[in-house]
Amino acid sequence: MTDSRQITRAGLDDWDVIWPIWHEIVAAGDTYAYDPTTSYEQAREMWLGPAEAEVWRLLENGNVLGGYRISPNHHGPGAHVANGSYMVGSAARGRGVGRALVEHSLARAAEVGYLGIQFNAVAVTNVHAIGLYHRLGFATVGTIPLGFRHPQQGLVDLLIMYRDL
């Protein structure tokens, strides 16, 4: 990460700068299973809530390039495993932003006491993210056959990925 970049915790007041990235990615319909017509308000509630979720953003020269969210993957006896979600704006792709976000999230998740981190639904078409996750030590632990409706490729598999912290 360059000196002009920093990763900081995001709050409710940051939604206006996170929303354009969130909306761009979700509206494309090719990586996340969120409804592409999700409203600004619905998205804010999903991404910034509930209280145990943490949202972080990567800034470069004051501009948000991307962010991530970690929260318990399950509650109760499964709350020691985090769930992670990452978004990088199209203008910042290929510049190490995703890697910086995932690495930061791994350190942060361990710091707050999670023992592992799981991704529940990675579309097999998201090859750049899958490659990054594998390079950072994640394993594919399951597949949901035809679990995602890709806008160009039709029904494709979803991967469940996991890494110990």
Foldseek 3Di string as FASTA:
>chain_A
DDPQKDKDWDALVCLVQAVVQVLVVVLQQAWDPPNNVDDSVRVSPVQHDDPQKTKMFMDGNRHTQWIKIWAQPDDDPRRLEIEMDITGHPVCPPPCPVVVRVVVVVVVSVVVRRFKYKYDWGFPVVVVVVVSCVVVPKDFPDKDAQPGQGPPPGGTITTMIMDTD
